[in-house]
Amino acid sequence: MKVDLHCHSNVSDGVLPPALVAAHARKGGVDVWALTDHDEVGGTAAARAAAAEQGMRFVAGVEISITWGGETVHIVGLQIDENNAALAQGLEATRSGRDARGREIGVQLAKAGIPGAYEGAMSYVDNPALMSRTHFARFLVQEGYCANIAEVFRKYLSEGKPGYVPHRWASLQDAVGWIRGAGGIAVIAHPGRYRFTPIQQDALFDEFRQLGGSAIEVVTGSHTPDQYPVYAQLANAYGFLASRGTDFHAPGEARVDFAALPPLPGNVTPVWHDWF
């Protein structure tokens, strides 16, 4: 059984609508699929219907942006009730700062010699409340400033670079509380991507566990293969379940597509171990 519990549609910063993401996942052999758009559950109904058409089990999900230790961290919620009022209110509040940040990114990129970036990024998104750095990255690649999205983030959109604009997201307590209040399971997304020291990572994992967090992503398109066993070991050390997902945004953008992502290591307990 191939399970993918982290991917995105054009409802947040993906390229494809939910139905086409579902079709792409199924073509890649996925049997159990979750759509986890950033701070948004508006694609859930379409994704659920498309998963049924494709013969996949569907898991309602979301990826919530938080600020912890001065870094942006992502918390995935799985098996959520997307109609939960407190979750909806929390996500709306989290989204509210995206357009203002996007406009400021445009200003900073203009100062760096890249005019029209905000308008260019907006051509990739219908709703300013869903503006993300990925939309800017696609525009910069389109205009030839960089060869790919990873290069854009490295040169322009990461901390200390010309287009980086910090933003205060939700708290870890908020995100875990919204997810659990909606009947869901909280998962730290791609923990190997954050620039934390071992002591900081330990503090994050401890606080997450105390708040009721249940799992971390072990095998993800945002991890390198040598990180898979590292985070499998850490999942066991902290008593976390293990999750898996491509972090798919668009064909050709991910490090690993649906068909190529390896299974979880055999020494961990999958987050879905008691779902079916």
Protein backbone atom coordinates (compact mmCIF):
# COMPACT_ATOMS: atom_id res chain seq x y z
CA MET A 1 0.00 0.00 0.00
CA LYS A 2 1.54 3.30 -1.12
CA VAL A 3 0.54 6.23 1.11
CA ASP A 4 1.21 9.90 0.34
CA LEU A 5 0.18 12.35 3.04
CA HIS A 6 1.70 15.64 1.91
CA CYS A 7 0.99 17.44 -1.35
CA HIS A 8 -0.43 20.69 -2.70
CA SER A 9 -2.88 21.94 -5.30
CA ASN A 10 -3.47 25.35 -6.86
CA VAL A 11 -5.72 26.15 -3.91
CA SER A 12 -2.46 27.10 -2.18
CA ASP A 13 0.91 27.10 -3.95
CA GLY A 14 0.62 24.07 -6.20
CA VAL A 15 0.05 24.30 -9.95
CA LEU A 16 -2.63 21.67 -10.59
CA PRO A 17 -6.25 21.71 -9.38
CA PRO A 18 -7.08 19.03 -6.78
CA ALA A 19 -8.60 16.63 -9.32
CA LEU A 20 -5.44 16.63 -11.44
CA VAL A 21 -3.21 16.19 -8.38
CA ALA A 22 -5.33 13.14 -7.52
CA ALA A 23 -4.92 11.75 -11.02
CA HIS A 24 -1.17 12.34 -10.92
CA ALA A 25 -0.91 10.63 -7.54
CA ARG A 26 -2.87 7.63 -8.75
CA LYS A 27 -0.72 7.38 -11.86
CA GLY A 28 2.26 7.24 -9.49
CA GLY A 29 0.75 4.26 -7.70
CA VAL A 30 -0.68 6.02 -4.64
CA ASP A 31 -3.40 4.10 -2.77
CA VAL A 32 -3.99 6.48 0.17
CA TRP A 33 -3.76 10.20 -0.49
CA ALA A 34 -4.02 13.46 1.45
CA LEU A 35 -4.22 16.98 0.09
CA THR A 36 -2.43 19.29 2.55
CA ASP A 37 -2.66 22.80 1.13
CA HIS A 38 -1.00 25.64 3.01
CA ASP A 39 -3.33 27.21 5.58
CA GLU A 40 -6.33 26.33 3.42
CA VAL A 41 -8.89 23.52 3.18
CA GLY A 42 -10.88 24.91 0.25
CA GLY A 43 -9.78 22.10 -2.06
CA THR A 44 -10.82 19.28 0.25
CA ALA A 45 -14.25 18.53 -1.23
CA ALA A 46 -12.91 18.40 -4.79
CA ALA A 47 -9.96 16.29 -3.67
CA ARG A 48 -12.20 13.83 -1.84
CA ALA A 49 -14.43 13.39 -4.88
CA ALA A 50 -11.44 13.00 -7.21
CA ALA A 51 -9.81 10.44 -4.92
CA ALA A 52 -13.01 8.38 -4.97
CA GLU A 53 -13.07 8.52 -8.77
CA GLN A 54 -9.45 7.38 -8.88
CA GLY A 55 -10.06 4.52 -6.44
CA MET A 56 -7.88 5.98 -3.68
CA ARG A 57 -8.63 6.29 0.02
CA PHE A 58 -8.71 9.98 0.94
CA VAL A 59 -7.39 11.70 4.06
CA ALA A 60 -8.46 15.29 4.75
CA GLY A 61 -5.42 17.39 5.57
CA VAL A 62 -3.86 20.83 5.86
CA GLU A 63 -0.37 22.30 6.33
CA ILE A 64 -0.25 25.15 8.85
CA SER A 65 2.52 27.75 8.89
CA ILE A 66 3.88 28.56 12.34
CA THR A 67 6.74 30.59 13.77
CA TRP A 68 8.95 28.75 16.25
CA GLY A 69 12.46 29.64 17.34
CA GLY A 70 12.57 32.47 14.83
CA GLU A 71 11.97 30.04 11.94
CA THR A 72 8.92 29.22 9.85
CA VAL A 73 7.91 25.64 10.60
CA HIS A 74 5.10 23.68 8.97
CA ILE A 75 2.68 21.46 10.89
CA VAL A 76 0.58 19.03 8.88
CA GLY A 77 -2.86 18.04 10.14
CA LEU A 78 -4.25 14.68 9.00
CA GLN A 79 -7.70 13.14 9.41
CA ILE A 80 -9.14 16.57 10.18
CA ASP A 81 -12.74 17.71 10.02
CA GLU A 82 -12.29 20.49 7.48
CA ASN A 83 -15.59 22.06 8.57
CA ASN A 84 -14.48 22.60 12.17
CA ALA A 85 -15.20 26.24 13.05
CA ALA A 86 -12.13 26.87 15.22
CA LEU A 87 -9.84 25.42 12.57
CA ALA A 88 -11.46 27.56 9.86
CA GLN A 89 -11.06 30.71 11.96
CA GLY A 90 -7.44 29.89 12.75
CA LEU A 91 -6.56 29.27 9.11
CA GLU A 92 -8.24 32.50 8.06
CA ALA A 93 -6.20 34.43 10.61
CA THR A 94 -3.02 32.72 9.43
CA ARG A 95 -3.72 33.58 5.80
CA SER A 96 -4.47 37.22 6.54
CA GLY A 97 -0.85 38.36 6.49
CA ARG A 98 0.12 36.74 3.20
CA ASP A 99 -0.84 39.58 0.83
CA ALA A 100 0.92 42.25 2.88
CA ARG A 101 4.06 40.12 2.99
CA GLY A 102 3.78 39.50 -0.75
CA ARG A 103 3.61 43.20 -1.52
CA GLU A 104 6.70 43.83 0.61
CA ILE A 105 8.57 41.00 -1.15
CA GLY A 106 7.73 42.76 -4.42
CA VAL A 107 9.17 46.01 -3.07
CA GLN A 108 12.37 44.33 -1.91
CA LEU A 109 12.87 42.48 -5.20
CA ALA A 110 12.34 45.75 -7.11
CA LYS A 111 15.16 47.29 -5.06
CA ALA A 112 17.29 44.31 -6.09
CA GLY A 113 16.62 45.02 -9.76
CA ILE A 114 13.62 42.78 -10.37
CA PRO A 115 10.59 44.96 -11.19
CA GLY A 116 7.01 43.73 -11.33
CA ALA A 117 7.55 40.70 -9.12
CA TYR A 118 4.37 41.10 -7.09
CA GLU A 119 2.22 41.39 -10.21
CA GLY A 120 4.12 38.50 -11.79
CA ALA A 121 3.62 36.31 -8.75
CA MET A 122 -0.07 37.20 -8.73
CA SER A 123 -0.40 35.69 -12.21
CA TYR A 124 0.10 32.32 -10.52
CA VAL A 125 -2.52 32.79 -7.79
CA ASP A 126 -6.16 33.85 -7.83
CA ASN A 127 -6.45 34.90 -4.20
CA PRO A 128 -3.94 37.32 -2.59
CA ALA A 129 -4.65 35.64 0.76
CA LEU A 130 -2.86 32.56 -0.60
CA MET A 131 0.24 34.37 -1.88
CA SER A 132 3.46 32.50 -1.08
CA ARG A 133 7.15 32.70 -1.86
CA THR A 134 6.73 29.82 -4.30
CA HIS A 135 4.59 32.04 -6.53
CA PHE A 136 7.42 34.59 -6.66
CA ALA A 137 9.88 31.79 -7.39
CA ARG A 138 7.87 30.61 -10.38
CA PHE A 139 7.80 34.15 -11.76
CA LEU A 140 11.56 34.59 -11.37
CA VAL A 141 12.20 31.30 -13.17
CA GLN A 142 9.76 32.30 -15.92
CA GLU A 143 11.60 35.61 -16.41
CA GLY A 144 15.00 33.93 -16.52
CA TYR A 145 16.47 35.31 -13.30
CA CYS A 146 17.14 31.76 -12.10
CA ALA A 147 17.17 28.30 -13.62
CA ASN A 148 14.84 26.67 -11.08
CA ILE A 149 12.86 27.28 -7.92
CA ALA A 150 15.58 26.02 -5.59
CA GLU A 151 17.99 28.60 -7.03
CA VAL A 152 15.44 31.39 -6.50
CA PHE A 153 15.07 30.52 -2.83
CA ARG A 154 18.84 30.26 -2.43
CA LYS A 155 19.57 33.62 -4.10
CA TYR A 156 16.53 35.75 -3.31
CA LEU A 157 13.93 34.38 -0.90
CA SER A 158 15.74 32.83 2.06
CA GLU A 159 16.78 34.69 5.20
CA GLY A 160 19.43 37.32 4.53
CA LYS A 161 18.70 37.48 0.79
CA PRO A 162 17.24 40.51 -1.09
CA GLY A 163 13.64 39.31 -1.30
CA TYR A 164 13.28 37.76 2.15
CA VAL A 165 10.54 39.30 4.30
CA PRO A 166 9.98 37.78 7.76
CA HIS A 167 6.46 37.08 8.88
CA ARG A 168 4.95 36.07 12.21
CA TRP A 169 2.73 33.04 11.69
CA ALA A 170 0.61 31.09 14.18
CA SER A 171 2.18 29.54 17.27
CA LEU A 172 2.93 25.83 17.66
CA GLN A 173 0.33 25.66 20.40
CA ASP A 174 -2.27 27.24 18.12
CA ALA A 175 -1.60 24.88 15.21
CA VAL A 176 -1.60 21.70 17.25
CA GLY A 177 -4.69 22.88 19.12
CA TRP A 178 -6.61 23.62 15.91
CA ILE A 179 -5.68 20.25 14.41
CA ARG A 180 -6.55 18.24 17.50
CA GLY A 181 -9.73 20.25 18.04
CA ALA A 182 -10.75 19.24 14.53
CA GLY A 183 -10.22 15.58 15.38
CA GLY A 184 -6.91 15.38 13.55
CA ILE A 185 -3.36 14.19 14.04
CA ALA A 186 -0.54 16.75 14.14
CA VAL A 187 2.66 16.01 12.22
CA ILE A 188 5.88 18.05 11.94
CA ALA A 189 6.50 18.42 8.22
CA HIS A 190 9.99 17.77 6.79
CA PRO A 191 11.89 18.34 10.08
CA GLY A 192 15.22 17.96 8.30
CA ARG A 193 14.62 21.15 6.36
CA TYR A 194 14.78 23.52 9.33
CA ARG A 195 18.02 25.19 10.35
CA PHE A 196 17.89 24.17 13.99
CA THR A 197 20.76 23.01 16.15
CA PRO A 198 20.30 19.58 17.79
CA ILE A 199 19.36 21.36 21.03
CA GLN A 200 16.75 23.50 19.29
CA GLN A 201 15.33 20.49 17.44
CA ASP A 202 15.10 18.61 20.73
CA ALA A 203 13.20 21.54 22.26
CA LEU A 204 10.81 21.65 19.28
CA PHE A 205 10.13 17.92 19.46
CA ASP A 206 9.61 18.04 23.23
CA GLU A 207 7.19 20.96 23.07
CA PHE A 208 5.34 19.39 20.14
CA ARG A 209 4.93 16.13 22.05
CA GLN A 210 3.76 17.91 25.21
CA LEU A 211 1.11 19.77 23.20
CA GLY A 212 -0.24 16.52 21.80
CA GLY A 213 1.69 16.23 18.55
CA SER A 214 1.84 12.67 17.32
CA ALA A 215 4.16 12.24 14.33
CA ILE A 216 6.99 13.56 12.18
CA GLU A 217 7.60 13.16 8.48
CA VAL A 218 10.40 10.68 7.88
CA VAL A 219 10.29 10.00 4.14
CA THR A 220 9.46 13.18 2.23
CA GLY A 221 10.49 14.84 -0.99
CA SER A 222 11.97 17.60 1.16
CA HIS A 223 14.44 15.18 2.79
CA THR A 224 17.51 13.70 1.18
CA PRO A 225 17.79 9.88 1.23
CA ASP A 226 20.46 10.00 3.93
CA GLN A 227 17.99 11.83 6.18
CA TYR A 228 15.39 9.04 6.06
CA PRO A 229 17.15 6.77 8.61
CA VAL A 230 18.09 9.75 10.77
CA TYR A 231 14.48 10.83 11.22
CA ALA A 232 13.29 7.24 11.54
CA GLN A 233 15.63 6.91 14.52
CA LEU A 234 14.45 10.24 15.95
CA ALA A 235 10.78 9.25 15.54
CA ASN A 236 11.41 6.15 17.63
CA ALA A 237 13.51 8.03 20.19
CA TYR A 238 10.73 10.57 20.83
CA GLY A 239 7.85 8.11 20.56
CA PHE A 240 6.48 9.65 17.35
CA LEU A 241 4.65 7.91 14.55
CA ALA A 242 6.18 8.28 11.09
CA SER A 243 4.60 9.95 8.09
CA ARG A 244 5.43 9.94 4.38
CA GLY A 245 4.70 12.31 1.50
CA THR A 246 6.20 13.82 -1.61
CA ASP A 247 5.45 17.47 -0.77
CA PHE A 248 4.30 17.60 -4.38
CA HIS A 249 3.62 21.05 -5.88
CA ALA A 250 3.91 20.53 -9.63
CA PRO A 251 5.26 18.00 -12.12
CA GLY A 252 8.99 18.54 -12.43
CA GLU A 253 9.32 20.74 -9.35
CA ALA A 254 9.62 18.07 -6.66
CA ARG A 255 12.87 16.30 -5.80
CA VAL A 256 10.93 13.02 -5.89
CA ASP A 257 7.64 12.39 -7.65
CA PHE A 258 4.88 10.04 -6.45
CA ALA A 259 6.17 6.95 -8.23
CA ALA A 260 9.75 7.30 -6.99
CA LEU A 261 9.34 8.11 -3.29
CA PRO A 262 10.56 5.12 -1.26
CA PRO A 263 8.52 3.48 1.51
CA LEU A 264 9.00 4.18 5.19
CA PRO A 265 11.82 2.27 6.89
CA GLY A 266 10.64 -0.94 8.48
CA ASN A 267 11.62 0.07 12.01
CA VAL A 268 9.01 2.84 12.44
CA THR A 269 5.28 2.83 13.13
CA PRO A 270 3.36 4.50 10.28
CA VAL A 271 0.98 7.29 11.27
CA TRP A 272 -1.73 5.34 9.38
CA HIS A 273 -1.11 2.07 11.25
CA ASP A 274 -4.61 2.02 12.83
CA TRP A 275 -6.65 3.89 10.20
CA PHE A 276 -7.98 1.01 8.12
